């Protein structure tokens, strides 16, 4: 099975990787080609073309495109927590409840446009959204070499709504135990403090 993974779903550091039958063949960030640090707001056009070439594959050879951002159901606590904590900003609270996947839809549209430009037929290739923190956890665990039961901790500014991920991995699978949600973000605090100290957020820290 040929899997193409896209990164940079939150507007910075777009990247691409290709796995063939579970083996990593190529992985690279877009900034290496366009010479724009972090490539903010860009899609991974050049990175994807490079990975396909390195793997000797064409767009029609890809079975699955994995994307590190997923829609969050209203039946889950994520969006309700966000709305409750932003009670003082009704526009944000109501948007989380009634249009809570708007960022996913925007990001998905950008990714699909890039894939179409590169010749992918997305009616034949599966587009698989992956929750942002699960993608982070996977990139750490599945390349770690750990075989035994392993604790997994992810701390980020923000994914869809989650900011911190607690879980464990065993036999190649990652299991979620608990998450914290925006605006409760250790990553956000870290970014704010380092920016206050003079570093650029999402760069110098």
N, C-alpha and C. Protein backbone atom coordinates (compact mmCIF):
# COMPACT_ATOMS: atom_id res chain seq x y z
N UNK A 1 0.84 -1.20 0.00
CA UNK A 1 0.00 0.00 0.00
C UNK A 1 0.87 1.25 0.00
N UNK A 2 0.50 2.22 -0.80
CA UNK A 2 1.25 3.47 -0.90
C UNK A 2 0.46 4.58 -0.21
N UNK A 3 1.08 5.17 0.81
CA UNK A 3 0.42 6.22 1.59
C UNK A 3 1.23 7.50 1.49
N UNK A 4 0.56 8.57 1.13
CA UNK A 4 1.17 9.89 1.08
C UNK A 4 0.63 10.69 2.26
N UNK A 5 1.54 11.19 3.09
CA UNK A 5 1.14 11.98 4.24
C UNK A 5 1.46 13.44 4.02
N UNK A 6 0.50 14.30 4.32
CA UNK A 6 0.70 15.74 4.20
C UNK A 6 0.82 16.35 5.59
N UNK A 7 1.69 17.34 5.73
CA UNK A 7 1.82 18.08 6.98
C UNK A 7 1.52 19.54 6.75
N UNK A 8 1.54 20.31 7.83
CA UNK A 8 1.32 21.75 7.70
C UNK A 8 -0.13 22.15 7.60
N UNK A 9 -1.01 21.39 8.26
CA UNK A 9 -2.44 21.67 8.15
C UNK A 9 -2.89 22.89 8.94
N UNK A 10 -2.01 23.46 9.75
CA UNK A 10 -2.39 24.62 10.55
C UNK A 10 -1.73 25.90 10.03
N UNK A 11 -1.33 25.89 8.77
CA UNK A 11 -0.87 27.12 8.14
C UNK A 11 0.62 27.37 8.16
N UNK A 12 1.40 26.42 8.67
CA UNK A 12 2.85 26.61 8.65
C UNK A 12 3.55 25.27 8.50
N UNK A 13 4.76 25.32 7.97
CA UNK A 13 5.62 24.14 7.81
C UNK A 13 4.97 23.00 7.02
N UNK A 14 4.44 23.28 5.82
CA UNK A 14 3.90 22.18 5.01
C UNK A 14 5.00 21.20 4.64
N UNK A 15 4.64 19.93 4.63
CA UNK A 15 5.61 18.88 4.35
C UNK A 15 4.88 17.68 3.76
N UNK A 16 5.66 16.77 3.18
CA UNK A 16 5.09 15.56 2.59
C UNK A 16 5.98 14.37 2.92
N UNK A 17 5.36 13.22 3.11
CA UNK A 17 6.09 11.97 3.29
C UNK A 17 5.38 10.87 2.52
N UNK A 18 6.13 9.87 2.10
CA UNK A 18 5.55 8.72 1.41
C UNK A 18 6.02 7.43 2.08
N UNK A 19 5.04 6.58 2.38
CA UNK A 19 5.31 5.24 2.89
C UNK A 19 4.87 4.23 1.83
N UNK A 20 5.71 3.26 1.57
CA UNK A 20 5.37 2.17 0.67
C UNK A 20 5.43 0.87 1.46
N UNK A 21 4.28 0.24 1.62
CA UNK A 21 4.18 -1.00 2.40
C UNK A 21 4.80 -0.85 3.79
N UNK A 22 4.51 0.29 4.43
CA UNK A 22 4.97 0.52 5.79
C UNK A 22 6.38 1.04 5.93
N UNK A 23 7.08 1.23 4.83
CA UNK A 23 8.46 1.73 4.88
C UNK A 23 8.51 3.18 4.41
N UNK A 24 9.16 4.03 5.21
CA UNK A 24 9.31 5.43 4.84
C UNK A 24 10.30 5.54 3.68
N UNK A 25 9.83 6.11 2.57
CA UNK A 25 10.67 6.24 1.38
C UNK A 25 11.23 7.65 1.24
N UNK A 26 10.41 8.65 1.53
CA UNK A 26 10.85 10.04 1.38
C UNK A 26 10.03 10.93 2.29
N UNK A 27 10.66 12.00 2.79
CA UNK A 27 9.97 13.00 3.60
C UNK A 27 10.74 14.30 3.52
N UNK A 28 10.03 15.41 3.30
CA UNK A 28 10.71 16.69 3.14
C UNK A 28 9.73 17.83 3.36
N UNK A 29 10.25 18.97 3.80
CA UNK A 29 9.42 20.16 4.00
C UNK A 29 9.45 21.05 2.77
N UNK A 30 8.35 21.74 2.55
CA UNK A 30 8.20 22.63 1.39
C UNK A 30 9.23 23.75 1.39
N UNK A 31 9.59 24.25 2.57
CA UNK A 31 10.52 25.38 2.66
C UNK A 31 11.86 25.10 1.99
N UNK A 32 12.25 23.83 1.91
CA UNK A 32 13.53 23.47 1.32
C UNK A 32 13.57 23.76 -0.18
N UNK A 33 12.42 23.82 -0.79
CA UNK A 33 12.36 24.04 -2.23
C UNK A 33 12.06 25.50 -2.58
N UNK A 34 11.20 26.13 -1.81
CA UNK A 34 10.78 27.49 -2.18
C UNK A 34 11.58 28.55 -1.43
N UNK A 35 12.47 28.11 -0.52
CA UNK A 35 13.37 29.02 0.21
C UNK A 35 12.59 30.09 0.98
N UNK A 36 11.51 29.66 1.60
CA UNK A 36 10.67 30.55 2.41
C UNK A 36 10.50 29.86 3.76
N UNK A 37 11.19 30.37 4.78
CA UNK A 37 11.21 29.71 6.08
C UNK A 37 9.81 29.50 6.62
N UNK A 38 9.50 28.25 6.92
CA UNK A 38 8.21 27.79 7.44
C UNK A 38 7.09 27.80 6.40
N UNK A 39 7.32 28.45 5.25
CA UNK A 39 6.34 28.44 4.15
C UNK A 39 4.92 28.68 4.66
N UNK A 40 4.75 29.72 5.44
CA UNK A 40 3.44 29.98 6.06
C UNK A 40 2.37 30.24 5.01
N UNK A 41 1.24 29.58 5.19
CA UNK A 41 0.11 29.75 4.28
C UNK A 41 0.25 29.02 2.96
N UNK A 42 1.33 28.27 2.79
CA UNK A 42 1.56 27.57 1.53
C UNK A 42 1.13 26.10 1.64
N UNK A 43 0.95 25.48 0.48
CA UNK A 43 0.71 24.04 0.43
C UNK A 43 2.00 23.35 0.00
N UNK A 44 2.05 22.04 0.15
CA UNK A 44 3.29 21.31 -0.12
C UNK A 44 3.44 20.84 -1.55
N UNK A 45 3.29 21.73 -2.53
CA UNK A 45 3.39 21.34 -3.94
C UNK A 45 4.73 20.68 -4.26
N UNK A 46 5.81 21.41 -4.01
CA UNK A 46 7.13 20.92 -4.40
C UNK A 46 7.55 19.72 -3.57
N UNK A 47 7.19 19.72 -2.29
CA UNK A 47 7.52 18.59 -1.43
C UNK A 47 6.83 17.32 -1.92
N UNK A 48 5.59 17.46 -2.34
CA UNK A 48 4.84 16.29 -2.83
C UNK A 48 5.42 15.78 -4.14
N UNK A 49 5.77 16.69 -5.03
CA UNK A 49 6.37 16.27 -6.31
C UNK A 49 7.69 15.54 -6.07
N UNK A 50 8.49 16.06 -5.14
CA UNK A 50 9.78 15.44 -4.83
C UNK A 50 9.59 14.03 -4.28
N UNK A 51 8.66 13.88 -3.33
CA UNK A 51 8.46 12.57 -2.71
C UNK A 51 7.96 11.54 -3.72
N UNK A 52 7.06 11.96 -4.60
CA UNK A 52 6.59 11.05 -5.64
C UNK A 52 7.74 10.60 -6.54
N UNK A 53 8.60 11.55 -6.91
CA UNK A 53 9.74 11.23 -7.76
C UNK A 53 10.70 10.29 -7.06
N UNK A 54 10.99 10.56 -5.79
CA UNK A 54 11.91 9.71 -5.03
C UNK A 54 11.38 8.28 -4.89
N UNK A 55 10.07 8.17 -4.77
CA UNK A 55 9.47 6.85 -4.60
C UNK A 55 9.21 6.16 -5.93
N UNK A 56 9.39 6.89 -7.03
CA UNK A 56 9.12 6.32 -8.35
C UNK A 56 7.64 6.06 -8.57
N UNK A 57 6.81 6.93 -8.00
CA UNK A 57 5.36 6.74 -8.08
C UNK A 57 4.70 7.90 -8.81
N UNK A 58 3.52 7.63 -9.33
CA UNK A 58 2.68 8.65 -9.95
C UNK A 58 1.48 8.89 -9.04
N UNK A 59 0.78 10.01 -9.22
CA UNK A 59 -0.39 10.27 -8.36
C UNK A 59 -1.38 9.11 -8.32
N UNK A 60 -1.58 8.44 -9.45
CA UNK A 60 -2.55 7.35 -9.49
C UNK A 60 -2.09 6.11 -8.73
N UNK A 61 -0.80 6.08 -8.33
CA UNK A 61 -0.29 4.94 -7.57
C UNK A 61 -0.56 5.07 -6.07
N UNK A 62 -0.96 6.24 -5.63
CA UNK A 62 -1.19 6.48 -4.20
C UNK A 62 -2.57 5.96 -3.80
N UNK A 63 -2.59 5.15 -2.75
CA UNK A 63 -3.85 4.57 -2.27
C UNK A 63 -4.57 5.48 -1.28
N UNK A 64 -3.79 6.10 -0.39
CA UNK A 64 -4.37 6.93 0.67
C UNK A 64 -3.55 8.21 0.82
N UNK A 65 -4.23 9.32 0.98
CA UNK A 65 -3.59 10.57 1.39
C UNK A 65 -4.03 10.85 2.82
N UNK A 66 -3.06 10.85 3.74
CA UNK A 66 -3.36 11.13 5.15
C UNK A 66 -3.13 12.61 5.43
N UNK A 67 -4.09 13.21 6.13
CA UNK A 67 -4.06 14.66 6.36
C UNK A 67 -4.20 14.94 7.86
N UNK A 68 -3.27 15.70 8.46
CA UNK A 68 -3.23 15.83 9.93
C UNK A 68 -4.19 16.86 10.53
N UNK A 69 -5.43 16.78 10.13
CA UNK A 69 -6.46 17.69 10.66
C UNK A 69 -7.79 17.04 10.34
N UNK A 70 -8.67 16.95 11.33
CA UNK A 70 -9.89 16.17 11.14
C UNK A 70 -11.11 16.93 11.63
N UNK A 71 -12.28 16.61 11.09
CA UNK A 71 -13.51 17.20 11.62
C UNK A 71 -13.81 16.64 13.01
N UNK A 72 -14.34 17.48 13.88
CA UNK A 72 -14.66 17.09 15.25
C UNK A 72 -16.17 17.11 15.44
N UNK A 73 -16.72 15.97 15.83
CA UNK A 73 -18.16 15.83 16.00
C UNK A 73 -18.68 16.67 17.17
N UNK A 74 -19.89 17.16 17.02
CA UNK A 74 -20.52 17.94 18.09
C UNK A 74 -20.87 17.06 19.29
N UNK A 75 -20.86 15.75 19.09
CA UNK A 75 -21.16 14.84 20.20
C UNK A 75 -19.97 14.67 21.14
N UNK A 76 -18.80 15.17 20.73
CA UNK A 76 -17.61 15.10 21.58
C UNK A 76 -17.50 16.34 22.45
N UNK A 77 -16.66 16.31 23.49
CA UNK A 77 -16.58 17.46 24.40
C UNK A 77 -15.79 18.64 23.87
N UNK A 78 -14.98 18.46 22.82
CA UNK A 78 -14.05 19.48 22.36
C UNK A 78 -14.73 20.84 22.11
N UNK A 79 -15.72 20.82 21.25
CA UNK A 79 -16.36 22.07 20.83
C UNK A 79 -17.19 22.69 21.96
N UNK A 80 -17.80 21.84 22.78
CA UNK A 80 -18.59 22.35 23.90
C UNK A 80 -17.69 23.01 24.94
N UNK A 81 -16.52 22.43 25.19
CA UNK A 81 -15.58 23.03 26.13
C UNK A 81 -15.15 24.41 25.63
N UNK A 82 -14.83 24.48 24.34
CA UNK A 82 -14.41 25.75 23.75
C UNK A 82 -15.51 26.80 23.90
N UNK A 83 -16.74 26.40 23.58
CA UNK A 83 -17.86 27.34 23.67
C UNK A 83 -18.09 27.81 25.11
N UNK A 84 -17.98 26.88 26.05
CA UNK A 84 -18.18 27.24 27.46
C UNK A 84 -17.12 28.20 27.96
N UNK A 85 -15.87 27.96 27.59
CA UNK A 85 -14.78 28.80 28.06
C UNK A 85 -14.78 30.18 27.41
N UNK A 86 -15.39 30.27 26.23
CA UNK A 86 -15.48 31.56 25.54
C UNK A 86 -16.89 32.15 25.65
N UNK A 87 -17.52 31.94 26.81
CA UNK A 87 -18.87 32.45 27.03
C UNK A 87 -18.94 33.97 26.87
N UNK A 88 -17.81 34.64 27.15
CA UNK A 88 -17.77 36.10 27.10
C UNK A 88 -17.64 36.62 25.66
N UNK A 89 -17.43 35.72 24.72
CA UNK A 89 -17.33 36.10 23.30
C UNK A 89 -18.34 35.25 22.52
N UNK A 90 -19.61 35.65 22.55
CA UNK A 90 -20.68 34.81 21.97
C UNK A 90 -20.44 34.42 20.52
N UNK A 91 -19.80 35.29 19.74
CA UNK A 91 -19.56 34.94 18.34
C UNK A 91 -18.66 33.71 18.23
N UNK A 92 -17.63 33.64 19.05
CA UNK A 92 -16.71 32.50 19.02
C UNK A 92 -17.39 31.25 19.57
N UNK A 93 -18.14 31.42 20.65
CA UNK A 93 -18.81 30.27 21.27
C UNK A 93 -19.83 29.66 20.32
N UNK A 94 -20.65 30.49 19.70
CA UNK A 94 -21.69 29.99 18.80
C UNK A 94 -21.10 29.40 17.53
N UNK A 95 -20.00 29.98 17.06
CA UNK A 95 -19.34 29.43 15.87
C UNK A 95 -18.81 28.03 16.15
N UNK A 96 -18.26 27.82 17.34
CA UNK A 96 -17.75 26.49 17.70
C UNK A 96 -18.86 25.45 17.68
N UNK A 97 -20.05 25.85 18.08
CA UNK A 97 -21.17 24.90 18.13
C UNK A 97 -21.79 24.69 16.75
N UNK A 98 -22.05 25.77 16.04
CA UNK A 98 -22.81 25.66 14.79
C UNK A 98 -21.94 25.54 13.53
N UNK A 99 -20.68 25.96 13.63
CA UNK A 99 -19.81 25.87 12.45
C UNK A 99 -18.40 25.50 12.90
N UNK A 100 -18.34 24.50 13.77
CA UNK A 100 -17.09 24.17 14.45
C UNK A 100 -16.03 23.51 13.61
N UNK A 101 -16.37 23.09 12.40
CA UNK A 101 -15.38 22.45 11.53
C UNK A 101 -14.99 23.34 10.35
N UNK A 102 -15.18 24.64 10.50
CA UNK A 102 -14.89 25.55 9.39
C UNK A 102 -13.41 25.53 9.03
N UNK A 103 -12.52 25.42 10.03
CA UNK A 103 -11.08 25.39 9.74
C UNK A 103 -10.71 24.12 8.99
N UNK A 104 -11.33 23.00 9.39
CA UNK A 104 -11.06 21.76 8.67
C UNK A 104 -11.49 21.89 7.21
N UNK A 105 -12.67 22.44 6.98
CA UNK A 105 -13.17 22.57 5.61
C UNK A 105 -12.25 23.46 4.77
N UNK A 106 -11.76 24.54 5.38
CA UNK A 106 -10.85 25.43 4.66
C UNK A 106 -9.53 24.73 4.34
N UNK A 107 -8.99 24.02 5.33
CA UNK A 107 -7.72 23.31 5.12
C UNK A 107 -7.87 22.17 4.12
N UNK A 108 -8.99 21.45 4.22
CA UNK A 108 -9.25 20.35 3.29
C UNK A 108 -9.34 20.88 1.86
N UNK A 109 -10.01 22.01 1.69
CA UNK A 109 -10.16 22.60 0.35
C UNK A 109 -8.80 22.94 -0.25
N UNK A 110 -7.92 23.51 0.58
CA UNK A 110 -6.58 23.86 0.09
C UNK A 110 -5.79 22.61 -0.29
N UNK A 111 -5.87 21.58 0.56
CA UNK A 111 -5.13 20.35 0.28
C UNK A 111 -5.64 19.66 -0.98
N UNK A 112 -6.95 19.59 -1.14
CA UNK A 112 -7.52 18.94 -2.32
C UNK A 112 -7.19 19.72 -3.59
N UNK A 113 -7.16 21.04 -3.50
CA UNK A 113 -6.80 21.86 -4.66
C UNK A 113 -5.37 21.56 -5.09
N UNK A 114 -4.46 21.45 -4.12
CA UNK A 114 -3.07 21.12 -4.43
C UNK A 114 -2.97 19.75 -5.08
N UNK A 115 -3.66 18.78 -4.51
CA UNK A 115 -3.60 17.42 -5.05
C UNK A 115 -4.17 17.36 -6.46
N UNK A 116 -5.25 18.07 -6.70
CA UNK A 116 -5.82 18.12 -8.05
C UNK A 116 -4.84 18.75 -9.03
N UNK A 117 -4.15 19.81 -8.59
CA UNK A 117 -3.15 20.46 -9.45
C UNK A 117 -2.03 19.51 -9.84
N UNK A 118 -1.73 18.57 -8.94
CA UNK A 118 -0.63 17.63 -9.19
C UNK A 118 -1.09 16.38 -9.94
N UNK A 119 -2.37 16.32 -10.28
CA UNK A 119 -2.85 15.21 -11.09
C UNK A 119 -3.50 14.08 -10.33
N UNK A 120 -3.79 14.28 -9.05
CA UNK A 120 -4.48 13.25 -8.27
C UNK A 120 -5.96 13.22 -8.64
N UNK A 121 -6.50 12.04 -8.74
CA UNK A 121 -7.94 11.86 -8.91
C UNK A 121 -8.49 11.44 -7.56
N UNK A 122 -9.02 12.40 -6.82
CA UNK A 122 -9.43 12.12 -5.45
C UNK A 122 -10.76 11.37 -5.36
N UNK A 123 -11.33 11.03 -6.51
CA UNK A 123 -12.48 10.12 -6.50
C UNK A 123 -11.99 8.67 -6.41
N UNK A 124 -10.70 8.46 -6.67
CA UNK A 124 -10.13 7.12 -6.64
C UNK A 124 -9.13 6.94 -5.49
N UNK A 125 -8.56 8.04 -5.02
CA UNK A 125 -7.61 8.00 -3.91
C UNK A 125 -8.32 8.43 -2.64
N UNK A 126 -8.19 7.65 -1.58
CA UNK A 126 -8.87 7.95 -0.32
C UNK A 126 -8.19 9.11 0.40
N UNK A 127 -8.97 10.09 0.81
CA UNK A 127 -8.48 11.21 1.60
C UNK A 127 -8.83 10.93 3.05
N UNK A 128 -7.81 10.73 3.89
CA UNK A 128 -8.03 10.29 5.27
C UNK A 128 -7.60 11.36 6.28
N UNK A 129 -8.56 12.11 6.84
CA UNK A 129 -8.20 13.06 7.90
C UNK A 129 -7.77 12.32 9.16
N UNK A 130 -6.74 12.85 9.82
CA UNK A 130 -6.23 12.28 11.06
C UNK A 130 -6.21 13.40 12.09
N UNK A 131 -6.71 13.14 13.29
CA UNK A 131 -6.70 14.17 14.32
C UNK A 131 -5.28 14.68 14.53
N UNK A 132 -5.16 15.99 14.70
CA UNK A 132 -3.85 16.64 14.71
C UNK A 132 -2.91 16.06 15.77
N UNK A 133 -3.40 15.89 16.98
CA UNK A 133 -2.54 15.37 18.05
C UNK A 133 -2.22 13.90 17.85
N UNK A 134 -3.12 13.17 17.26
CA UNK A 134 -2.84 11.77 16.95
C UNK A 134 -1.74 11.67 15.90
N UNK A 135 -1.75 12.61 14.94
CA UNK A 135 -0.69 12.65 13.93
C UNK A 135 0.67 12.94 14.57
N UNK A 136 0.70 13.90 15.51
CA UNK A 136 1.94 14.17 16.24
C UNK A 136 2.41 12.93 16.99
N UNK A 137 1.48 12.29 17.69
CA UNK A 137 1.83 11.11 18.48
C UNK A 137 2.35 9.99 17.58
N UNK A 138 1.72 9.83 16.43
CA UNK A 138 2.13 8.78 15.50
C UNK A 138 3.53 9.01 14.97
N UNK A 139 3.83 10.27 14.62
CA UNK A 139 5.16 10.56 14.06
C UNK A 139 6.26 10.29 15.07
N UNK A 140 5.94 10.41 16.37
CA UNK A 140 6.93 10.12 17.40
C UNK A 140 6.99 8.62 17.70
N UNK A 141 5.83 8.03 17.94
CA UNK A 141 5.81 6.62 18.37
C UNK A 141 6.23 5.65 17.27
N UNK A 142 5.67 5.80 16.09
CA UNK A 142 5.93 4.80 15.05
C UNK A 142 7.34 4.83 14.50
N UNK A 143 8.08 5.89 14.79
CA UNK A 143 9.49 5.95 14.37
C UNK A 143 10.44 5.76 15.55
N UNK A 144 9.88 5.50 16.74
CA UNK A 144 10.70 5.42 17.95
C UNK A 144 11.40 4.07 18.11
N UNK A 145 10.81 3.04 17.55
CA UNK A 145 11.37 1.71 17.73
C UNK A 145 10.88 1.00 18.98
N UNK A 146 10.05 1.67 19.78
CA UNK A 146 9.53 1.04 20.99
C UNK A 146 8.58 -0.10 20.64
N UNK A 147 8.74 -1.22 21.30
CA UNK A 147 7.87 -2.37 21.08
C UNK A 147 6.92 -2.59 22.25
N UNK A 148 7.40 -2.25 23.46
CA UNK A 148 6.60 -2.47 24.65
C UNK A 148 5.54 -1.37 24.81
N UNK A 149 4.67 -1.53 25.79
CA UNK A 149 3.66 -0.52 26.06
C UNK A 149 4.34 0.80 26.41
N UNK A 150 3.92 1.88 25.77
CA UNK A 150 4.66 3.14 25.82
C UNK A 150 3.72 4.30 26.13
N UNK A 151 4.10 5.14 27.09
CA UNK A 151 3.34 6.35 27.39
C UNK A 151 3.55 7.38 26.28
N UNK A 152 2.49 8.10 25.94
CA UNK A 152 2.56 9.11 24.89
C UNK A 152 1.99 10.42 25.42
N UNK A 153 2.76 11.49 25.29
CA UNK A 153 2.33 12.82 25.70
C UNK A 153 2.57 13.79 24.55
N UNK A 154 1.53 14.51 24.17
CA UNK A 154 1.66 15.52 23.13
C UNK A 154 1.24 16.88 23.65
N UNK A 155 2.11 17.88 23.51
CA UNK A 155 1.80 19.25 23.95
C UNK A 155 2.00 20.18 22.76
N UNK A 156 0.95 20.88 22.39
CA UNK A 156 0.99 21.73 21.20
C UNK A 156 0.28 23.04 21.53
N UNK A 157 0.37 23.99 20.62
CA UNK A 157 -0.41 25.20 20.80
C UNK A 157 -1.89 24.88 20.70
N UNK A 158 -2.24 24.27 19.56
CA UNK A 158 -3.63 23.88 19.33
C UNK A 158 -3.70 23.08 18.05
N UNK A 159 -4.52 22.03 18.08
CA UNK A 159 -4.82 21.30 16.85
C UNK A 159 -6.18 21.75 16.38
N UNK A 160 -7.14 20.82 16.29
CA UNK A 160 -8.50 21.22 15.98
C UNK A 160 -9.06 22.02 17.17
N UNK A 161 -9.16 21.34 18.31
CA UNK A 161 -9.51 21.99 19.58
C UNK A 161 -8.59 21.54 20.70
N UNK A 162 -8.06 20.33 20.58
CA UNK A 162 -7.18 19.79 21.62
C UNK A 162 -5.84 20.52 21.64
N UNK A 163 -5.29 20.65 22.84
CA UNK A 163 -3.99 21.30 23.01
C UNK A 163 -2.97 20.36 23.65
N UNK A 164 -3.45 19.39 24.42
CA UNK A 164 -2.58 18.43 25.09
C UNK A 164 -3.20 17.04 25.00
N UNK A 165 -2.36 16.06 24.72
CA UNK A 165 -2.81 14.69 24.49
C UNK A 165 -2.10 13.74 25.45
N UNK A 166 -2.87 12.94 26.17
CA UNK A 166 -2.32 11.88 27.01
C UNK A 166 -2.81 10.54 26.47
N UNK A 167 -1.90 9.60 26.32
CA UNK A 167 -2.31 8.30 25.84
C UNK A 167 -1.20 7.28 26.02
N UNK A 168 -1.40 6.13 25.41
CA UNK A 168 -0.36 5.11 25.41
C UNK A 168 -0.41 4.38 24.08
N UNK A 169 0.70 3.77 23.74
CA UNK A 169 0.80 3.02 22.49
C UNK A 169 1.21 1.59 22.80
N UNK A 170 0.64 0.67 22.05
CA UNK A 170 0.94 -0.75 22.26
C UNK A 170 0.62 -1.52 20.99
N UNK A 171 1.55 -2.38 20.60
CA UNK A 171 1.36 -3.22 19.42
C UNK A 171 1.02 -2.40 18.17
N UNK A 172 1.68 -1.25 18.04
CA UNK A 172 1.51 -0.44 16.85
C UNK A 172 0.31 0.47 16.84
N UNK A 173 -0.49 0.46 17.91
CA UNK A 173 -1.68 1.30 17.97
C UNK A 173 -1.58 2.31 19.10
N UNK A 174 -2.13 3.50 18.87
CA UNK A 174 -2.11 4.57 19.87
C UNK A 174 -3.51 4.70 20.46
N UNK A 175 -3.56 4.74 21.78
CA UNK A 175 -4.84 4.83 22.49
C UNK A 175 -4.90 6.14 23.27
N UNK A 176 -5.96 6.88 23.07
CA UNK A 176 -6.14 8.16 23.75
C UNK A 176 -6.73 7.92 25.14
N UNK A 177 -6.14 8.58 26.16
CA UNK A 177 -6.67 8.52 27.52
C UNK A 177 -7.42 9.81 27.85
N UNK A 178 -6.79 10.94 27.57
CA UNK A 178 -7.39 12.22 27.92
C UNK A 178 -6.80 13.33 27.07
N UNK A 179 -7.58 14.37 26.83
CA UNK A 179 -7.09 15.56 26.15
C UNK A 179 -7.53 16.80 26.92
N UNK A 180 -6.74 17.86 26.79
CA UNK A 180 -7.16 19.18 27.23
C UNK A 180 -7.45 20.01 25.99
N UNK A 181 -8.37 20.97 26.14
CA UNK A 181 -8.85 21.71 24.97
C UNK A 181 -8.61 23.21 25.10
N UNK A 182 -8.53 23.84 23.95
CA UNK A 182 -8.42 25.29 23.86
C UNK A 182 -9.54 25.94 24.68
N UNK A 183 -9.23 26.95 25.49
CA UNK A 183 -7.99 27.74 25.56
C UNK A 183 -6.97 27.27 26.59
N UNK A 184 -7.14 26.07 27.15
CA UNK A 184 -6.19 25.56 28.15
C UNK A 184 -5.00 24.94 27.43
N UNK A 185 -3.96 25.74 27.19
CA UNK A 185 -2.88 25.30 26.33
C UNK A 185 -1.51 25.64 26.90
N UNK A 186 -0.76 24.61 27.32
CA UNK A 186 0.62 24.83 27.75
C UNK A 186 1.47 25.33 26.59
N UNK A 187 1.21 24.79 25.40
CA UNK A 187 1.94 25.25 24.22
C UNK A 187 1.67 26.71 23.93
N UNK A 188 0.41 27.12 24.15
CA UNK A 188 0.07 28.53 23.95
C UNK A 188 0.77 29.44 24.94
N UNK A 189 0.87 28.99 26.20
CA UNK A 189 1.59 29.75 27.22
C UNK A 189 3.06 29.87 26.84
N UNK A 190 3.64 28.76 26.42
CA UNK A 190 5.05 28.76 26.02
C UNK A 190 5.28 29.73 24.86
N UNK A 191 4.41 29.67 23.85
CA UNK A 191 4.55 30.55 22.70
C UNK A 191 4.40 32.01 23.08
N UNK A 192 3.45 32.31 23.98
CA UNK A 192 3.23 33.70 24.40
C UNK A 192 4.43 34.23 25.19
N UNK A 193 4.98 33.39 26.07
CA UNK A 193 6.13 33.82 26.87
C UNK A 193 7.37 34.05 26.01
N UNK A 194 7.62 33.13 25.08
CA UNK A 194 8.81 33.30 24.24
C UNK A 194 8.65 34.49 23.30
N UNK A 195 7.42 34.76 22.86
CA UNK A 195 7.20 35.95 22.03
C UNK A 195 7.43 37.22 22.86
N UNK A 196 6.98 37.21 24.11
CA UNK A 196 7.20 38.34 25.00
C UNK A 196 8.70 38.59 25.20
N UNK A 197 9.48 37.51 25.19
CA UNK A 197 10.92 37.63 25.38
C UNK A 197 11.66 38.01 24.10
N UNK A 198 10.91 38.17 23.01
CA UNK A 198 11.53 38.66 21.78
C UNK A 198 11.68 37.66 20.66
N UNK A 199 11.21 36.43 20.88
CA UNK A 199 11.29 35.42 19.83
C UNK A 199 10.01 35.42 19.00
N UNK A 200 10.13 35.10 17.73
CA UNK A 200 8.95 35.03 16.87
C UNK A 200 8.22 33.72 17.13
N UNK A 201 6.90 33.81 17.36
CA UNK A 201 6.11 32.61 17.59
C UNK A 201 6.14 31.72 16.35
N UNK A 202 6.20 30.43 16.56
CA UNK A 202 6.28 29.42 15.51
C UNK A 202 7.57 29.52 14.71
N UNK A 203 8.58 30.12 15.32
CA UNK A 203 9.87 30.24 14.63
C UNK A 203 11.02 30.24 15.62
N UNK A 204 11.24 31.38 16.27
CA UNK A 204 12.43 31.55 17.10
C UNK A 204 12.43 30.79 18.40
N UNK A 205 11.22 30.43 18.90
CA UNK A 205 11.20 29.77 20.19
C UNK A 205 11.74 28.36 20.11
